[in-house]
PDB file of all heavy atoms in Angstrom:
ATOM      1  N   MET A   1      21.206 119.611  69.107  1.00  0.00           N
ATOM      2  CA  MET A   1      21.757 120.877  68.600  1.00  0.00           C
ATOM      3  C   MET A   1      23.282 120.999  68.878  1.00  0.00           C
ATOM      4  O   MET A   1      23.738 120.605  69.927  1.00  0.00           O
ATOM      5  CB  MET A   1      21.002 122.051  69.275  1.00  0.00           C
ATOM      6  CG  MET A   1      19.600 122.222  68.837  1.00  0.00           C
ATOM      7  SD  MET A   1      18.752 123.540  69.752  1.00  0.00           S
ATOM      8  CE  MET A   1      19.821 124.953  69.377  1.00  0.00           C
ATOM      9  N   VAL A   2      23.943 121.544  67.899  1.00  0.00           N
ATOM     10  CA  VAL A   2      25.395 121.764  68.007  1.00  0.00           C
ATOM     11  C   VAL A   2      25.597 123.285  68.275  1.00  0.00           C
ATOM     12  O   VAL A   2      25.648 124.082  67.371  1.00  0.00           O
ATOM     13  CB  VAL A   2      26.159 121.352  66.762  1.00  0.00           C
ATOM     14  CG1 VAL A   2      27.662 121.568  66.881  1.00  0.00           C
ATOM     15  CG2 VAL A   2      25.853 119.893  66.360  1.00  0.00           C
ATOM     16  N   GLY A   3      25.588 123.644  69.550  1.00  0.00           N
ATOM     17  CA  GLY A   3      25.684 125.051  69.908  1.00  0.00           C
ATOM     18  C   GLY A   3      24.315 125.716  69.970  1.00  0.00           C
ATOM     19  O   GLY A   3      23.285 125.177  69.454  1.00  0.00           O
ATOM     20  N   ASP A   4      24.268 126.860  70.626  1.00  0.00           N
ATOM     21  CA  ASP A   4      22.936 127.568  70.780  1.00  0.00           C
ATOM     22  C   ASP A   4      22.419 128.113  69.517  1.00  0.00           C
ATOM     23  O   ASP A   4      21.156 128.253  69.422  1.00  0.00           O
ATOM     24  CB  ASP A   4      23.225 128.700  71.769  1.00  0.00           C
ATOM     25  CG  ASP A   4      23.568 128.177  73.148  1.00  0.00           C
ATOM     26  OD1 ASP A   4      23.212 127.014  73.467  1.00  0.00           O
ATOM     27  OD2 ASP A   4      24.244 128.901  73.947  1.00  0.00           O
ATOM     28  N   ASP A   5      23.235 128.389  68.546  1.00  0.00           N
ATOM     29  CA  ASP A   5      22.690 129.029  67.281  1.00  0.00           C
ATOM     30  C   ASP A   5      22.465 127.975  66.220  1.00  0.00           C
ATOM     31  O   ASP A   5      22.242 128.300  65.025  1.00  0.00           O
ATOM     32  CB  ASP A   5      23.703 130.083  66.803  1.00  0.00           C
ATOM     33  CG  ASP A   5      23.827 131.205  67.743  1.00  0.00           C
ATOM     34  OD1 ASP A   5      22.840 131.541  68.402  1.00  0.00           O
ATOM     35  OD2 ASP A   5      24.940 131.853  67.805  1.00  0.00           O
ATOM     36  N   CYS A   6      22.522 126.695  66.547  1.00  0.00           N
ATOM     37  CA  CYS A   6      22.284 125.626  65.542  1.00  0.00           C
ATOM     38  C   CYS A   6      20.803 125.658  65.172  1.00  0.00           C
ATOM     39  O   CYS A   6      19.946 125.891  66.009  1.00  0.00           O
ATOM     40  CB  CYS A   6      22.688 124.317  66.179  1.00  0.00           C
ATOM     41  SG  CYS A   6      22.299 122.876  65.123  1.00  0.00           S
ATOM     42  N   GLU A   7      20.503 125.376  63.913  1.00  0.00           N
ATOM     43  CA  GLU A   7      19.167 125.299  63.380  1.00  0.00           C
ATOM     44  C   GLU A   7      18.965 123.906  62.800  1.00  0.00           C
ATOM     45  O   GLU A   7      19.749 123.422  61.991  1.00  0.00           O
ATOM     46  CB  GLU A   7      18.888 126.384  62.275  1.00  0.00           C
ATOM     47  CG  GLU A   7      19.060 127.793  62.783  1.00  0.00           C
ATOM     48  CD  GLU A   7      17.930 128.210  63.702  1.00  0.00           C
ATOM     49  OE1 GLU A   7      16.936 127.452  63.817  1.00  0.00           O
ATOM     50  OE2 GLU A   7      18.023 129.294  64.333  1.00  0.00           O
ATOM     51  N   ILE A   8      17.848 123.208  63.190  1.00  0.00           N
ATOM     52  CA  ILE A   8      17.488 121.911  62.724  1.00  0.00           C
ATOM     53  C   ILE A   8      16.001 121.867  62.399  1.00  0.00           C
ATOM     54  O   ILE A   8      15.207 122.363  63.130  1.00  0.00           O
ATOM     55  CB  ILE A   8      17.774 120.808  63.821  1.00  0.00           C
ATOM     56  CG1 ILE A   8      19.216 120.918  64.252  1.00  0.00           C
ATOM     57  CG2 ILE A   8      17.484 119.439  63.260  1.00  0.00           C
ATOM     58  CD1 ILE A   8      19.589 119.982  65.412  1.00  0.00           C
ATOM     59  N   MET A   9      15.688 121.304  61.224  1.00  0.00           N
ATOM     60  CA  MET A   9      14.289 121.142  60.881  1.00  0.00           C
ATOM     61  C   MET A   9      14.107 119.911  59.929  1.00  0.00           C
ATOM     62  O   MET A   9      15.076 119.398  59.404  1.00  0.00           O
ATOM     63  CB  MET A   9      13.767 122.374  60.142  1.00  0.00           C
ATOM     64  CG  MET A   9      14.317 122.666  58.799  1.00  0.00           C
ATOM     65  SD  MET A   9      13.539 124.003  57.902  1.00  0.00           S
ATOM     66  CE  MET A   9      14.494 124.093  56.356  1.00  0.00           C
ATOM     67  N   ILE A  10      12.856 119.507  59.809  1.00  0.00           N
ATOM     68  CA  ILE A  10      12.432 118.573  58.818  1.00  0.00           C
ATOM     69  C   ILE A  10      11.393 119.224  57.948  1.00  0.00           C
ATOM     70  O   ILE A  10      10.419 119.777  58.425  1.00  0.00           O
ATOM     71  CB  ILE A  10      11.856 117.312  59.515  1.00  0.00           C
ATOM     72  CG1 ILE A  10      12.843 116.649  60.399  1.00  0.00           C
ATOM     73  CG2 ILE A  10      11.332 116.280  58.478  1.00  0.00           C
ATOM     74  CD1 ILE A  10      12.273 115.510  61.265  1.00  0.00           C
ATOM     75  N   PHE A  11      11.645 119.223  56.595  1.00  0.00           N
ATOM     76  CA  PHE A  11      10.697 119.978  55.722  1.00  0.00           C
ATOM     77  C   PHE A  11      10.458 119.134  54.464  1.00  0.00           C
ATOM     78  O   PHE A  11      11.217 118.139  54.119  1.00  0.00           O
ATOM     79  CB  PHE A  11      11.326 121.332  55.354  1.00  0.00           C
ATOM     80  CG  PHE A  11      12.566 121.274  54.503  1.00  0.00           C
ATOM     81  CD1 PHE A  11      12.481 121.499  53.135  1.00  0.00           C
ATOM     82  CD2 PHE A  11      13.817 121.015  55.072  1.00  0.00           C
ATOM     83  CE1 PHE A  11      13.627 121.481  52.366  1.00  0.00           C
ATOM     84  CE2 PHE A  11      14.941 120.967  54.274  1.00  0.00           C
ATOM     85  CZ  PHE A  11      14.841 121.196  52.904  1.00  0.00           C
ATOM     86  N   GLY A  12       9.496 119.593  53.697  1.00  0.00           N
ATOM     87  CA  GLY A  12       9.149 118.954  52.435  1.00  0.00           C
ATOM     88  C   GLY A  12       9.687 119.763  51.263  1.00  0.00           C
ATOM     89  O   GLY A  12      10.089 120.918  51.381  1.00  0.00           O
ATOM     90  N   SER A  13       9.550 119.126  50.064  1.00  0.00           N
ATOM     91  CA  SER A  13      10.172 119.770  48.915  1.00  0.00           C
ATOM     92  C   SER A  13       9.381 121.051  48.500  1.00  0.00           C
ATOM     93  O   SER A  13       9.912 121.947  47.840  1.00  0.00           O
ATOM     94  CB  SER A  13      10.106 118.795  47.735  1.00  0.00           C
ATOM     95  OG  SER A  13       8.743 118.369  47.446  1.00  0.00           O
ATOM     96  N   GLY A  14       8.137 121.155  49.003  1.00  0.00           N
ATOM     97  CA  GLY A  14       7.401 122.365  48.662  1.00  0.00           C
ATOM     98  C   GLY A  14       7.456 123.402  49.769  1.00  0.00           C
ATOM     99  O   GLY A  14       6.725 124.375  49.792  1.00  0.00           O
ATOM    100  N   GLY A  15       8.374 123.214  50.738  1.00  0.00           N
ATOM    101  CA  GLY A  15       8.542 124.178  51.776  1.00  0.00           C
ATOM    102  C   GLY A  15       7.738 123.844  53.050  1.00  0.00           C
ATOM    103  O   GLY A  15       7.646 124.681  53.927  1.00  0.00           O
ATOM    104  N   GLU A  16       7.032 122.706  53.029  1.00  0.00           N
ATOM    105  CA  GLU A  16       6.199 122.406  54.193  1.00  0.00           C
ATOM    106  C   GLU A  16       7.144 122.017  55.365  1.00  0.00           C
ATOM    107  O   GLU A  16       8.154 121.388  55.220  1.00  0.00           O
ATOM    108  CB  GLU A  16       5.314 121.176  53.870  1.00  0.00           C
ATOM    109  CG  GLU A  16       4.413 121.346  52.623  1.00  0.00           C
ATOM    110  CD  GLU A  16       5.113 120.874  51.376  1.00  0.00           C
ATOM    111  OE1 GLU A  16       6.330 120.583  51.465  1.00  0.00           O
ATOM    112  OE2 GLU A  16       4.423 120.868  50.316  1.00  0.00           O
ATOM    113  N   LEU A  17       6.646 122.406  56.541  1.00  0.00           N
ATOM    114  CA  LEU A  17       7.427 122.201  57.743  1.00  0.00           C
ATOM    115  C   LEU A  17       6.847 120.963  58.512  1.00  0.00           C
ATOM    116  O   LEU A  17       5.649 120.970  58.809  1.00  0.00           O
ATOM    117  CB  LEU A  17       7.417 123.413  58.634  1.00  0.00           C
ATOM    118  CG  LEU A  17       8.225 123.364  59.922  1.00  0.00           C
ATOM    119  CD1 LEU A  17       9.738 123.182  59.603  1.00  0.00           C
ATOM    120  CD2 LEU A  17       8.042 124.608  60.743  1.00  0.00           C
ATOM    121  N   TYR A  18       7.731 119.991  58.830  1.00  0.00           N
ATOM    122  CA  TYR A  18       7.222 118.807  59.528  1.00  0.00           C
ATOM    123  C   TYR A  18       7.888 118.660  60.935  1.00  0.00           C
ATOM    124  O   TYR A  18       7.453 117.776  61.670  1.00  0.00           O
ATOM    125  CB  TYR A  18       7.521 117.568  58.697  1.00  0.00           C
ATOM    126  CG  TYR A  18       6.677 117.440  57.458  1.00  0.00           C
ATOM    127  CD1 TYR A  18       7.090 118.059  56.294  1.00  0.00           C
ATOM    128  CD2 TYR A  18       5.442 116.897  57.510  1.00  0.00           C
ATOM    129  CE1 TYR A  18       6.292 117.986  55.141  1.00  0.00           C
ATOM    130  CE2 TYR A  18       4.618 116.793  56.401  1.00  0.00           C
ATOM    131  CZ  TYR A  18       5.090 117.355  55.181  1.00  0.00           C
ATOM    132  OH  TYR A  18       4.237 117.313  54.099  1.00  0.00           O
ATOM    133  N   GLY A  19       8.909 119.404  61.250  1.00  0.00           N
ATOM    134  CA  GLY A  19       9.526 119.261  62.513  1.00  0.00           C
ATOM    135  C   GLY A  19      10.495 120.392  62.727  1.00  0.00           C
ATOM    136  O   GLY A  19      11.176 120.842  61.780  1.00  0.00           O
ATOM    137  N   TYR A  20      10.587 120.868  64.008  1.00  0.00           N
ATOM    138  CA  TYR A  20      11.551 121.967  64.304  1.00  0.00           C
ATOM    139  C   TYR A  20      12.044 121.752  65.746  1.00  0.00           C
ATOM    140  O   TYR A  20      11.279 121.191  66.602  1.00  0.00           O
ATOM    141  CB  TYR A  20      10.904 123.305  64.061  1.00  0.00           C
ATOM    142  CG  TYR A  20      11.832 124.469  64.276  1.00  0.00           C
ATOM    143  CD1 TYR A  20      13.000 124.593  63.569  1.00  0.00           C
ATOM    144  CD2 TYR A  20      11.540 125.454  65.192  1.00  0.00           C
ATOM    145  CE1 TYR A  20      13.883 125.654  63.775  1.00  0.00           C
ATOM    146  CE2 TYR A  20      12.379 126.563  65.450  1.00  0.00           C
ATOM    147  CZ  TYR A  20      13.566 126.660  64.703  1.00  0.00           C
ATOM    148  OH  TYR A  20      14.438 127.700  64.871  1.00  0.00           O
ATOM    149  N   GLN A  21      13.198 122.269  66.030  1.00  0.00           N
ATOM    150  CA  GLN A  21      13.796 122.062  67.326  1.00  0.00           C
ATOM    151  C   GLN A  21      13.041 122.753  68.469  1.00  0.00           C
ATOM    152  O   GLN A  21      13.110 122.324  69.640  1.00  0.00           O
ATOM    153  CB  GLN A  21      15.228 122.574  67.354  1.00  0.00           C
ATOM    154  CG  GLN A  21      15.303 124.095  67.163  1.00  0.00           C
ATOM    155  CD  GLN A  21      16.646 124.499  66.547  1.00  0.00           C
ATOM    156  OE1 GLN A  21      17.195 123.822  65.743  1.00  0.00           O
ATOM    157  NE2 GLN A  21      17.126 125.632  66.929  1.00  0.00           N
ATOM    158  N   SER A  22      12.242 123.816  68.207  1.00  0.00           N
ATOM    159  CA  SER A  22      11.506 124.556  69.147  1.00  0.00           C
ATOM    160  C   SER A  22       9.991 124.281  68.892  1.00  0.00           C
ATOM    161  O   SER A  22       9.455 124.792  67.914  1.00  0.00           O
ATOM    162  CB  SER A  22      11.832 126.007  69.137  1.00  0.00           C
ATOM    163  OG  SER A  22      10.903 126.768  69.952  1.00  0.00           O
ATOM    164  N   LEU A  23       9.358 123.565  69.849  1.00  0.00           N
ATOM    165  CA  LEU A  23       7.892 123.281  69.645  1.00  0.00           C
ATOM    166  C   LEU A  23       7.112 124.593  69.753  1.00  0.00           C
ATOM    167  O   LEU A  23       6.069 124.773  69.079  1.00  0.00           O
ATOM    168  CB  LEU A  23       7.490 122.285  70.719  1.00  0.00           C
ATOM    169  CG  LEU A  23       5.999 121.812  70.643  1.00  0.00           C
ATOM    170  CD1 LEU A  23       5.791 121.072  69.310  1.00  0.00           C
ATOM    171  CD2 LEU A  23       5.647 120.981  71.815  1.00  0.00           C
ATOM    172  N   GLU A  24       7.585 125.537  70.565  1.00  0.00           N
ATOM    173  CA  GLU A  24       6.846 126.784  70.772  1.00  0.00           C
ATOM    174  C   GLU A  24       6.820 127.641  69.398  1.00  0.00           C
ATOM    175  O   GLU A  24       5.746 128.108  69.046  1.00  0.00           O
ATOM    176  CB  GLU A  24       7.487 127.639  71.885  1.00  0.00           C
ATOM    177  CG  GLU A  24       7.359 127.013  73.274  1.00  0.00           C
ATOM    178  CD  GLU A  24       8.387 125.944  73.510  1.00  0.00           C
ATOM    179  OE1 GLU A  24       9.318 125.762  72.630  1.00  0.00           O
ATOM    180  OE2 GLU A  24       8.243 125.202  74.539  1.00  0.00           O
ATOM    181  N   LYS A  25       7.994 127.704  68.783  1.00  0.00           N
ATOM    182  CA  LYS A  25       8.024 128.390  67.498  1.00  0.00           C
ATOM    183  C   LYS A  25       7.255 127.682  66.436  1.00  0.00           C
ATOM    184  O   LYS A  25       6.595 128.308  65.554  1.00  0.00           O
ATOM    185  CB  LYS A  25       9.483 128.621  67.052  1.00  0.00           C
ATOM    186  CG  LYS A  25      10.224 129.589  68.012  1.00  0.00           C
ATOM    187  CD  LYS A  25      11.600 129.818  67.489  1.00  0.00           C
ATOM    188  CE  LYS A  25      12.383 130.776  68.385  1.00  0.00           C
ATOM    189  NZ  LYS A  25      13.777 131.016  67.892  1.00  0.00           N
ATOM    190  N   LEU A  26       7.255 126.345  66.500  1.00  0.00           N
ATOM    191  CA  LEU A  26       6.555 125.530  65.522  1.00  0.00           C
ATOM    192  C   LEU A  26       5.061 125.778  65.687  1.00  0.00           C
ATOM    193  O   LEU A  26       4.360 125.950  64.699  1.00  0.00           O
ATOM    194  CB  LEU A  26       6.889 124.063  65.670  1.00  0.00           C
ATOM    195  CG  LEU A  26       6.080 123.101  64.786  1.00  0.00           C
ATOM    196  CD1 LEU A  26       6.334 123.364  63.321  1.00  0.00           C
ATOM    197  CD2 LEU A  26       6.458 121.609  65.132  1.00  0.00           C
ATOM    198  N   SER A  27       4.600 125.793  66.958  1.00  0.00           N
ATOM    199  CA  SER A  27       3.165 126.049  67.188  1.00  0.00           C
ATOM    200  C   SER A  27       2.804 127.461  66.759  1.00  0.00           C
ATOM    201  O   SER A  27       1.689 127.635  66.172  1.00  0.00           O
ATOM    202  CB  SER A  27       2.935 125.885  68.727  1.00  0.00           C
ATOM    203  OG  SER A  27       3.262 124.614  69.149  1.00  0.00           O
ATOM    204  N   SER A  28       3.580 128.440  67.015  1.00  0.00           N
ATOM    205  CA  SER A  28       3.216 129.804  66.654  1.00  0.00           C
ATOM    206  C   SER A  28       3.212 129.985  65.163  1.00  0.00           C
ATOM    207  O   SER A  28       2.487 130.863  64.645  1.00  0.00           O
ATOM    208  CB  SER A  28       4.223 130.835  67.284  1.00  0.00           C
ATOM    209  OG  SER A  28       5.528 130.594  66.807  1.00  0.00           O
ATOM    210  N   SER A  29       4.002 129.168  64.413  1.00  0.00           N
ATOM    211  CA  SER A  29       3.975 129.322  62.957  1.00  0.00           C
ATOM    212  C   SER A  29       2.677 128.889  62.292  1.00  0.00           C
ATOM    213  O   SER A  29       2.413 129.242  61.177  1.00  0.00           O
ATOM    214  CB  SER A  29       5.142 128.544  62.358  1.00  0.00           C
ATOM    215  OG  SER A  29       4.926 127.126  62.481  1.00  0.00           O
ATOM    216  N   ILE A  30       1.925 128.103  63.061  1.00  0.00           N
ATOM    217  CA  ILE A  30       0.643 127.615  62.482  1.00  0.00           C
ATOM    218  C   ILE A  30      -0.342 128.823  62.393  1.00  0.00           C
ATOM    219  O   ILE A  30      -1.196 128.872  61.498  1.00  0.00           O
ATOM    220  CB  ILE A  30       0.026 126.539  63.414  1.00  0.00           C
ATOM    221  CG1 ILE A  30       0.974 125.345  63.470  1.00  0.00           C
ATOM    222  CG2 ILE A  30      -1.330 126.097  62.978  1.00  0.00           C
ATOM    223  CD1 ILE A  30       0.577 124.232  64.390  1.00  0.00           C
TER     224      ILE A  30
END
């Protein structure tokens, strides 16, 4: 991350989420 407000993700063309910097938020999104 570049700074505290940086956002990083891995996603698919249909909006699918495959990775996010916060595992807790990723888990809650399920």
